[in-house]
Amino acid sequence: MSVAKSDAKRVTTHVLQEMKLKGEKISMLTAYDYSMAKILDAAGVDVILVGDSASNVIAGHETTLPITLDQMVYHASSVIRAVKRALIVVDLPFGSYQGNSSEALRSAIRIMKESGAHAIKLEGGVEIKESVLRILSAGVPVMGHLGLTPQSIYKFGTYVVRAREAAEAKKLMEDATLLQECGCFSIVLEKIPAKLAKQVTKELDIPIIGIGAGPNVDGQVLVTHDMLGITTEFQPRFLRRYADLSDVMHKAVQKYIEDVKDKDFPAKDECY
């Protein structure tokens, strides 16, 4: 039986805060289109992230950098039309907020007005403080993202675990505290030591969502295409595959082709 009901309470930033206070874990997955979002929402997921990971899993790019603001608006609009319960958070794409708080505000407003989304997400700490404050001043809820930040991949040069060294761990804690003080309602921690993620979660009042950050955070997020086994190339330690849909879909397509070639499809009862 699905945990979602037709009269289920809409998830808001306030609800997420209540979940943290009660010790109830937060579930978060990605979606980029109407059909997938409808399935996730009906299943009862708390938060749907319209991630810039669409650049990888939908468009086939090597990184998240190429996806544009127009494309994120399109994906977010498709998702929002399917959802009745989950909180919808949308990534601001690379180049739409870094270094220019006015541009950041314009980008966030476009996402909110044109898609109907509920919140936006940005990568970084002190470096984007002015953008975060500017967006929050307009009443737009902001989720932070620290640790491995894919939009900075060419700066890091690798996807290895972040904040293993004391100096980087100290900066991450300072950035997390800063984002909370600015007014962010939540923070995603990606691919950092579980011990550090536990410390951040304990010391901060806002919900902390982990991806490769261990179990002692307030919630977890995965890319849905990875979790369902639609994509197969990406195999980090933190990823648990709950299905192998790539194989299921491959076999279904092969069977369809076979039936067409053998003139078995369409059958008599499938004709008008």
Protein backbone atom coordinates (compact mmCIF):
# COMPACT_ATOMS: atom_id res chain seq x y z
CA MET A 1 0.00 0.00 0.00
CA SER A 2 1.35 3.42 -0.94
CA VAL A 3 2.23 5.78 1.89
CA ALA A 4 0.71 8.61 -0.11
CA LYS A 5 -3.03 9.28 0.04
CA SER A 6 -5.29 11.52 -1.98
CA ASP A 7 -5.79 13.72 1.08
CA ALA A 8 -2.12 13.57 2.11
CA LYS A 9 -0.68 16.72 3.63
CA ARG A 10 1.41 18.80 1.24
CA VAL A 11 5.10 18.69 2.18
CA THR A 12 6.51 22.16 2.87
CA THR A 13 9.77 23.48 4.26
CA HIS A 14 8.00 23.71 7.62
CA VAL A 15 7.00 20.05 7.42
CA LEU A 16 10.63 19.08 6.78
CA GLN A 17 11.67 20.99 9.89
CA GLU A 18 9.02 19.15 11.91
CA MET A 19 10.31 15.84 10.55
CA LYS A 20 13.81 16.64 11.77
CA LEU A 21 12.53 17.55 15.21
CA LYS A 22 10.58 14.26 15.40
CA GLY A 23 13.49 12.20 14.10
CA GLU A 24 11.52 11.15 11.01
CA LYS A 25 13.82 10.57 8.05
CA ILE A 26 13.25 12.56 4.85
CA SER A 27 13.13 10.79 1.48
CA MET A 28 14.26 12.68 -1.63
CA LEU A 29 14.62 11.58 -5.27
CA THR A 30 15.13 13.28 -8.62
CA ALA A 31 12.64 13.69 -11.45
CA TYR A 32 12.78 15.59 -14.72
CA ASP A 33 9.46 14.73 -16.40
CA TYR A 34 5.75 14.38 -15.71
CA SER A 35 5.50 10.58 -15.81
CA MET A 36 8.38 9.88 -13.42
CA ALA A 37 7.31 12.64 -11.04
CA LYS A 38 3.79 11.26 -10.89
CA ILE A 39 5.11 7.82 -9.90
CA LEU A 40 7.41 9.22 -7.21
CA ASP A 41 4.72 11.47 -5.74
CA ALA A 42 2.14 8.67 -5.65
CA ALA A 43 4.67 6.43 -3.89
CA GLY A 44 5.00 9.02 -1.14
CA VAL A 45 8.45 10.56 -1.57
CA ASP A 46 8.83 13.71 0.54
CA VAL A 47 10.98 15.85 -1.75
CA ILE A 48 11.48 15.76 -5.51
CA LEU A 49 14.63 17.39 -6.80
CA VAL A 50 14.56 18.63 -10.36
CA GLY A 51 18.31 18.26 -10.53
CA ASP A 52 20.85 19.58 -12.97
CA SER A 53 21.78 15.89 -13.15
CA ALA A 54 19.29 15.98 -16.04
CA SER A 55 22.34 17.14 -17.97
CA ASN A 56 23.83 13.67 -17.43
CA VAL A 57 20.94 11.21 -17.37
CA ILE A 58 18.57 12.93 -19.80
CA ALA A 59 20.85 14.84 -22.19
CA GLY A 60 23.91 12.56 -22.01
CA HIS A 61 26.48 15.20 -21.09
CA GLU A 62 29.60 14.23 -19.13
CA THR A 63 28.97 16.91 -16.48
CA THR A 64 26.11 19.03 -15.14
CA LEU A 65 27.59 22.24 -16.55
CA PRO A 66 25.94 22.38 -20.02
CA ILE A 67 22.31 22.43 -18.89
CA THR A 68 20.69 25.85 -19.24
CA LEU A 69 18.20 27.84 -17.18
CA ASP A 70 15.61 27.48 -19.96
CA GLN A 71 16.00 23.71 -19.83
CA MET A 72 15.67 23.63 -16.04
CA VAL A 73 12.46 25.67 -16.28
CA TYR A 74 11.13 23.17 -18.83
CA HIS A 75 11.95 20.14 -16.67
CA ALA A 76 10.59 21.78 -13.52
CA SER A 77 7.34 22.74 -15.25
CA SER A 78 6.85 19.14 -16.38
CA VAL A 79 7.43 17.83 -12.86
CA ILE A 80 5.22 20.34 -11.04
CA ARG A 81 2.19 19.41 -13.15
CA ALA A 82 2.38 15.83 -11.86
CA VAL A 83 2.83 16.44 -8.15
CA LYS A 84 0.17 16.78 -5.46
CA ARG A 85 2.15 16.17 -2.26
CA ALA A 86 5.95 16.39 -2.52
CA LEU A 87 8.04 19.52 -2.08
CA ILE A 88 9.63 20.43 -5.43
CA VAL A 89 13.17 21.79 -5.31
CA VAL A 90 14.93 22.94 -8.49
CA ASP A 91 18.66 23.29 -9.08
CA LEU A 92 19.89 26.63 -10.35
CA PRO A 93 22.24 25.61 -13.17
CA PHE A 94 25.88 26.54 -13.52
CA GLY A 95 26.39 30.16 -14.53
CA SER A 96 22.99 31.37 -13.37
CA TYR A 97 23.97 32.56 -9.88
CA GLN A 98 27.74 32.44 -9.25
CA GLY A 99 29.38 35.83 -8.76
CA ASN A 100 26.34 38.00 -9.48
CA SER A 101 23.59 38.22 -6.91
CA SER A 102 21.30 40.17 -9.24
CA GLU A 103 21.58 37.44 -11.87
CA ALA A 104 21.00 34.84 -9.15
CA LEU A 105 17.78 36.57 -8.10
CA ARG A 106 16.56 36.79 -11.69
CA SER A 107 17.30 33.10 -12.22
CA ALA A 108 15.48 32.05 -9.04
CA ILE A 109 12.45 34.20 -9.87
CA ARG A 110 12.27 32.69 -13.37
CA ILE A 111 12.27 29.18 -11.90
CA MET A 112 9.56 30.03 -9.37
CA LYS A 113 7.29 32.04 -11.70
CA GLU A 114 7.58 29.97 -14.87
CA SER A 115 7.56 26.48 -13.36
CA GLY A 116 5.59 26.88 -10.14
CA ALA A 117 8.33 25.16 -8.12
CA HIS A 118 8.52 25.48 -4.34
CA ALA A 119 12.23 26.12 -3.73
CA ILE A 120 15.63 26.32 -5.41
CA LYS A 121 19.02 24.74 -4.64
CA LEU A 122 22.50 26.24 -5.02
CA GLU A 123 25.98 24.77 -4.64
CA GLY A 124 28.58 26.44 -2.43
CA GLY A 125 29.13 28.27 0.84
CA VAL A 126 30.65 31.64 1.59
CA GLU A 127 31.41 32.11 -2.11
CA ILE A 128 27.70 32.42 -2.91
CA LYS A 129 26.56 34.15 0.28
CA GLU A 130 25.39 37.31 -1.49
CA SER A 131 23.37 35.30 -4.02
CA VAL A 132 21.73 33.28 -1.25
CA LEU A 133 20.81 36.39 0.72
CA ARG A 134 19.47 38.16 -2.37
CA ILE A 135 17.25 35.21 -3.30
CA LEU A 136 16.00 34.77 0.25
CA SER A 137 15.17 38.48 0.43
CA ALA A 138 12.61 37.88 -2.32
CA GLY A 139 10.93 35.16 -0.28
CA VAL A 140 12.28 32.23 -2.31
CA PRO A 141 13.20 29.21 -0.14
CA VAL A 142 16.82 28.08 -0.63
CA MET A 143 18.40 24.67 -0.12
CA GLY A 144 22.19 24.60 0.11
CA HIS A 145 24.61 21.99 -1.27
CA LEU A 146 28.08 21.33 0.17
CA GLY A 147 30.79 18.69 -0.08
CA LEU A 148 31.20 17.35 -3.57
CA THR A 149 29.61 20.04 -5.73
CA PRO A 150 29.34 18.73 -9.31
CA GLN A 151 29.18 22.21 -10.85
CA SER A 152 32.77 22.71 -9.59
CA ILE A 153 34.08 19.43 -10.98
CA TYR A 154 36.73 21.08 -13.16
CA LYS A 155 38.00 22.94 -10.09
CA PHE A 156 38.25 19.72 -8.06
CA GLY A 157 39.38 17.61 -11.03
CA THR A 158 37.92 14.46 -9.48
CA TYR A 159 34.78 12.97 -7.94
CA VAL A 160 36.59 11.62 -4.84
CA VAL A 161 35.25 12.07 -1.32
CA ARG A 162 35.48 15.66 -0.10
CA ALA A 163 36.41 17.10 3.32
CA ARG A 164 38.65 14.26 4.45
CA GLU A 165 41.34 16.74 5.49
CA ALA A 166 40.87 18.87 8.59
CA ALA A 167 41.02 22.22 6.77
CA GLU A 168 38.33 21.31 4.25
CA ALA A 169 36.17 19.73 6.96
CA LYS A 170 36.45 22.94 9.01
CA LYS A 171 35.43 25.04 6.00
CA LEU A 172 32.47 22.76 5.28
CA MET A 173 31.23 23.15 8.86
CA GLU A 174 31.65 26.92 8.64
CA ASP A 175 29.84 27.05 5.31
CA ALA A 176 26.98 24.91 6.64
CA THR A 177 26.59 27.20 9.65
CA LEU A 178 26.70 30.24 7.36
CA LEU A 179 23.98 28.87 5.09
CA GLN A 180 21.76 28.20 8.10
CA GLU A 181 22.38 31.71 9.45
CA CYS A 182 21.53 33.17 6.04
CA GLY A 183 18.15 31.43 6.18
CA CYS A 184 18.48 28.27 4.08
CA PHE A 185 15.81 25.73 5.01
CA SER A 186 17.98 22.65 4.35
CA ILE A 187 21.40 21.53 3.08
CA VAL A 188 22.48 18.61 0.90
CA LEU A 189 25.82 17.05 1.85
CA GLU A 190 27.37 15.04 -0.98
CA LYS A 191 30.13 12.45 -0.71
CA ILE A 192 31.75 13.42 2.58
CA PRO A 193 32.86 11.30 5.56
CA ALA A 194 29.93 9.94 7.57
CA LYS A 195 31.47 11.22 10.81
CA LEU A 196 31.55 14.79 9.53
CA ALA A 197 28.00 14.56 8.17
CA LYS A 198 26.84 13.36 11.59
CA GLN A 199 28.51 16.33 13.25
CA VAL A 200 26.92 18.82 10.85
CA THR A 201 23.49 17.24 11.35
CA LYS A 202 23.83 17.37 15.12
CA GLU A 203 25.07 20.96 15.32
CA LEU A 204 22.64 22.50 12.81
CA ASP A 205 18.93 23.01 13.39
CA ILE A 206 17.86 22.69 9.74
CA PRO A 207 17.38 19.33 7.95
CA ILE A 208 20.51 17.81 6.42
CA ILE A 209 20.06 15.55 3.38
CA GLY A 210 22.86 13.17 2.50
CA ILE A 211 24.06 11.52 -0.69
CA GLY A 212 27.10 9.43 0.12
CA ALA A 213 27.22 11.04 3.57
CA GLY A 214 26.33 8.07 5.77
CA PRO A 215 23.21 7.23 7.80
CA ASN A 216 23.33 9.89 10.51
CA VAL A 217 21.71 12.69 8.54
CA ASP A 218 18.08 13.76 8.45
CA GLY A 219 17.33 12.30 5.03
CA GLN A 220 18.72 10.73 1.88
CA VAL A 221 18.66 11.63 -1.81
CA LEU A 222 19.56 9.58 -4.88
CA VAL A 223 19.27 10.12 -8.61
CA THR A 224 16.18 8.09 -9.54
CA HIS A 225 17.61 6.81 -12.83
CA ASP A 226 20.60 5.41 -10.92
CA MET A 227 18.51 3.95 -8.09
CA LEU A 228 16.15 2.19 -10.53
CA GLY A 229 18.96 0.84 -12.68
CA ILE A 230 17.89 2.77 -15.78
CA THR A 231 21.43 4.10 -15.97
CA THR A 232 24.12 1.48 -15.36
CA GLU A 233 27.50 3.18 -15.89
CA PHE A 234 27.48 5.18 -12.62
CA GLN A 235 28.38 2.86 -9.74
CA PRO A 236 29.60 4.74 -6.65
CA ARG A 237 29.75 3.02 -3.27
CA PHE A 238 26.81 5.02 -1.90
CA LEU A 239 24.39 3.94 -4.65
CA ARG A 240 21.95 1.13 -3.87
CA ARG A 241 20.07 -0.14 -6.92
CA TYR A 242 16.49 -1.03 -6.03
CA ALA A 243 15.69 -2.37 -9.50
CA ASP A 244 17.34 -3.30 -12.79
CA LEU A 245 15.00 -1.51 -15.16
CA SER A 246 17.63 -1.26 -17.87
CA ASP A 247 17.50 -5.04 -18.29
CA VAL A 248 13.70 -5.15 -17.99
CA MET A 249 13.31 -2.46 -20.64
CA HIS A 250 15.91 -4.03 -22.92
CA LYS A 251 14.10 -7.37 -22.86
CA ALA A 252 10.71 -5.73 -23.39
CA VAL A 253 11.96 -3.87 -26.46
CA GLN A 254 13.54 -7.05 -27.83
CA LYS A 255 10.23 -8.88 -27.36
CA TYR A 256 8.34 -6.08 -29.11
CA ILE A 257 10.73 -6.20 -32.06
CA GLU A 258 10.38 -9.98 -32.23
CA ASP A 259 6.57 -9.78 -32.20
CA VAL A 260 6.56 -7.15 -34.94
CA LYS A 261 8.96 -9.15 -37.11
CA ASP A 262 6.95 -12.36 -36.57
CA LYS A 263 3.68 -10.54 -37.33
CA ASP A 264 2.44 -11.47 -33.87
CA PHE A 265 1.73 -7.83 -33.02
CA PRO A 266 -0.86 -6.47 -33.29
CA ALA A 267 -3.10 -9.45 -32.58
CA LYS A 268 -6.72 -9.64 -33.69
CA ASP A 269 -8.07 -8.34 -30.37
CA GLU A 270 -5.68 -5.38 -30.58
CA CYS A 271 -7.24 -4.12 -33.82
CA TYR A 272 -10.30 -1.92 -34.44
